[in-house]
Amino acid sequence: MRVIKLLMMAVVLFGLAACSTKFKTYKGEEVTGVVVQKQKRMMHLVSKNRTLKSYQIGLGFAPDGDKIRRGDGRTPEGHYRINRRNPNSQYYLSLGISYPNDSDRQIAVEAGDNPGGDIFIHGRPQNFDKKERDWTAGCIAVTNREIEEIYAMVRDGTPISIYP
């Protein structure tokens, strides 16, 4: 009898662990674009011309204006693509943005600067305690629950447009 109880508890615990994965599945309409409105602090996942889902976002710690150089705390503005994903991100999960593009590189070089890189849509790190809305180094931040959903919905190669 004791063995049966232990086996039943193991099955229940295994089932709970399986349900708590950060990797979700998505079977809805294809996300054909991501639109970020920096001033409104909003990000929209769109399918053709219809918004599927919207999220409130945090930006870089100096959010006004376009990213010009590494370390400026700005979130870039322009047209990019989702070009990679990191399932082991220190920010829970993350989707890479193809910043810098050729134009970004040229502007930085002409100014004698490095454009930086490693711009992501990501969740929050462990022990997150920031009170500021805009706290990243230039990335787009959402909650961990939201990045689980976004990570499942958005495929590599999806266009992302980031507006002021």
Protein backbone atom coordinates (compact mmCIF):
# COMPACT_ATOMS: atom_id res chain seq x y z
CA MET A 1 0.00 0.00 0.00
CA ARG A 2 2.83 2.40 0.89
CA VAL A 3 4.51 1.73 -2.48
CA ILE A 4 1.29 2.53 -4.33
CA LYS A 5 0.93 5.84 -2.44
CA LEU A 6 4.53 6.75 -3.24
CA LEU A 7 4.02 5.91 -6.91
CA MET A 8 0.84 7.98 -7.04
CA MET A 9 2.63 10.95 -5.45
CA ALA A 10 5.47 10.60 -7.96
CA VAL A 11 3.00 10.60 -10.87
CA VAL A 12 1.27 13.73 -9.52
CA LEU A 13 4.58 15.54 -8.95
CA PHE A 14 5.87 14.56 -12.38
CA GLY A 15 2.63 15.80 -13.94
CA LEU A 16 2.91 19.14 -12.14
CA ALA A 17 6.53 19.51 -13.21
CA ALA A 18 5.61 18.77 -16.82
CA CYS A 19 2.91 21.46 -16.73
CA SER A 20 5.26 24.12 -15.39
CA THR A 21 7.62 24.26 -18.36
CA LYS A 22 8.50 27.66 -19.75
CA PHE A 23 8.19 26.31 -23.29
CA LYS A 24 4.65 26.76 -24.53
CA THR A 25 3.09 25.71 -27.83
CA TYR A 26 1.09 27.95 -30.13
CA LYS A 27 -1.31 26.75 -32.79
CA GLY A 28 -3.01 30.02 -33.71
CA GLU A 29 -2.60 32.41 -36.61
CA GLU A 30 0.94 33.01 -37.80
CA VAL A 31 2.58 36.13 -36.39
CA THR A 32 3.68 38.01 -39.52
CA GLY A 33 5.15 41.01 -37.71
CA VAL A 34 6.03 42.63 -34.41
CA VAL A 35 5.35 46.35 -33.95
CA VAL A 36 6.89 48.30 -31.08
CA GLN A 37 5.70 51.80 -30.13
CA LYS A 38 8.36 53.13 -27.78
CA GLN A 39 6.51 56.25 -26.57
CA LYS A 40 3.39 54.25 -25.76
CA ARG A 41 5.51 51.43 -24.25
CA MET A 42 3.52 48.90 -26.25
CA MET A 43 4.43 45.91 -28.41
CA HIS A 44 1.94 44.26 -30.78
CA LEU A 45 2.10 40.85 -32.42
CA VAL A 46 0.28 41.09 -35.73
CA SER A 47 -0.98 38.68 -38.37
CA LYS A 48 -1.25 40.48 -41.68
CA ASN A 49 -3.00 43.71 -40.58
CA ARG A 50 -4.71 42.35 -37.46
CA THR A 51 -3.34 42.62 -33.93
CA LEU A 52 -3.26 39.22 -32.23
CA LYS A 53 -1.81 40.28 -28.90
CA SER A 54 -0.47 43.45 -27.24
CA TYR A 55 1.93 43.87 -24.34
CA GLN A 56 3.12 46.71 -22.13
CA ILE A 57 6.91 46.88 -22.34
CA GLY A 58 9.98 48.29 -20.65
CA LEU A 59 12.84 49.74 -22.69
CA GLY A 60 16.45 50.78 -22.26
CA PHE A 61 17.29 52.98 -19.27
CA ALA A 62 17.60 56.04 -21.59
CA PRO A 63 14.66 55.33 -23.92
CA ASP A 64 14.32 58.61 -25.82
CA GLY A 65 15.84 58.60 -29.30
CA ASP A 66 17.41 55.97 -31.51
CA LYS A 67 20.28 53.76 -30.36
CA ILE A 68 23.55 55.22 -31.62
CA ARG A 69 26.31 53.46 -29.71
CA ARG A 70 27.01 50.62 -27.33
CA GLY A 71 26.16 51.54 -23.76
CA ASP A 72 23.87 54.48 -24.52
CA GLY A 73 20.87 52.77 -22.87
CA ARG A 74 18.62 53.39 -25.85
CA THR A 75 16.37 50.91 -27.61
CA PRO A 76 16.97 51.00 -31.38
CA GLU A 77 14.42 52.34 -33.85
CA GLY A 78 13.99 50.88 -37.32
CA HIS A 79 13.14 47.71 -39.17
CA TYR A 80 14.77 44.45 -38.17
CA ARG A 81 14.06 40.72 -37.92
CA ILE A 82 13.86 38.23 -35.10
CA ASN A 83 17.06 36.34 -35.82
CA ARG A 84 17.75 34.03 -32.89
CA ARG A 85 16.38 32.70 -29.63
CA ASN A 86 17.97 31.95 -26.30
CA PRO A 87 16.16 29.32 -24.21
CA ASN A 88 18.78 29.72 -21.44
CA SER A 89 18.82 33.50 -21.22
CA GLN A 90 19.74 35.16 -17.95
CA TYR A 91 16.48 37.05 -18.64
CA TYR A 92 14.40 33.83 -18.60
CA LEU A 93 13.77 33.51 -22.38
CA SER A 94 14.80 35.88 -25.14
CA LEU A 95 14.31 36.55 -28.85
CA GLY A 96 17.18 38.27 -30.66
CA ILE A 97 16.66 41.33 -32.84
CA SER A 98 18.93 41.78 -35.88
CA TYR A 99 20.30 45.12 -34.63
CA PRO A 100 22.59 46.60 -35.87
CA ASN A 101 21.70 46.69 -39.54
CA ASP A 102 23.98 48.21 -42.22
CA SER A 103 22.57 51.70 -41.69
CA ASP A 104 23.09 51.49 -37.90
CA ARG A 105 26.71 50.38 -38.43
CA GLN A 106 27.39 53.19 -40.89
CA ILE A 107 25.99 55.87 -38.57
CA ALA A 108 28.07 54.56 -35.66
CA VAL A 109 31.27 54.28 -37.71
CA GLU A 110 30.85 57.82 -39.07
CA ALA A 111 30.52 59.04 -35.48
CA GLY A 112 33.59 57.02 -34.45
CA ASP A 113 31.51 54.71 -32.27
CA ASN A 114 30.57 51.05 -31.94
CA PRO A 115 26.82 50.50 -32.56
CA GLY A 116 26.60 47.78 -29.94
CA GLY A 117 24.41 44.73 -30.35
CA ASP A 118 22.74 41.93 -28.41
CA ILE A 119 19.32 43.56 -28.48
CA PHE A 120 16.53 41.20 -27.41
CA ILE A 121 12.90 40.91 -26.43
CA HIS A 122 13.22 39.22 -23.05
CA GLY A 123 11.72 38.45 -19.68
CA ARG A 124 13.11 39.22 -16.26
CA PRO A 125 16.14 37.86 -14.44
CA GLN A 126 15.92 35.83 -11.26
CA ASN A 127 15.35 37.97 -8.18
CA PHE A 128 14.05 40.86 -10.30
CA ASP A 129 13.64 43.90 -8.07
CA LYS A 130 13.71 46.88 -10.43
CA LYS A 131 11.10 49.55 -9.80
CA GLU A 132 11.82 51.57 -12.95
CA ARG A 133 9.71 50.92 -16.05
CA ASP A 134 12.75 51.28 -18.35
CA TRP A 135 15.66 49.30 -16.95
CA THR A 136 17.31 47.31 -19.74
CA ALA A 137 20.56 48.14 -21.57
CA GLY A 138 18.49 48.76 -24.74
CA CYS A 139 16.31 45.67 -24.99
CA ILE A 140 12.53 45.27 -24.87
CA ALA A 141 11.35 43.74 -21.59
CA VAL A 142 8.12 41.95 -20.71
CA THR A 143 7.11 39.67 -17.83
CA ASN A 144 8.29 36.07 -17.80
CA ARG A 145 4.76 34.81 -18.40
CA GLU A 146 4.49 37.11 -21.43
CA ILE A 147 7.85 36.08 -22.91
CA GLU A 148 6.75 32.44 -22.69
CA GLU A 149 3.80 33.31 -24.92
CA ILE A 150 5.82 35.53 -27.28
CA TYR A 151 8.60 32.93 -27.54
CA ALA A 152 6.02 30.35 -28.67
CA MET A 153 4.22 32.67 -31.10
CA VAL A 154 7.06 34.48 -32.89
CA ARG A 155 9.29 32.58 -35.31
CA ASP A 156 12.83 33.38 -36.39
CA GLY A 157 12.75 35.63 -39.45
CA THR A 158 9.65 37.55 -38.32
CA PRO A 159 9.95 41.27 -39.13
CA ILE A 160 10.00 43.68 -36.20
CA SER A 161 9.45 47.43 -36.59
CA ILE A 162 10.43 49.66 -33.70
CA TYR A 163 8.96 53.18 -33.80
CA PRO A 164 9.71 56.20 -31.58
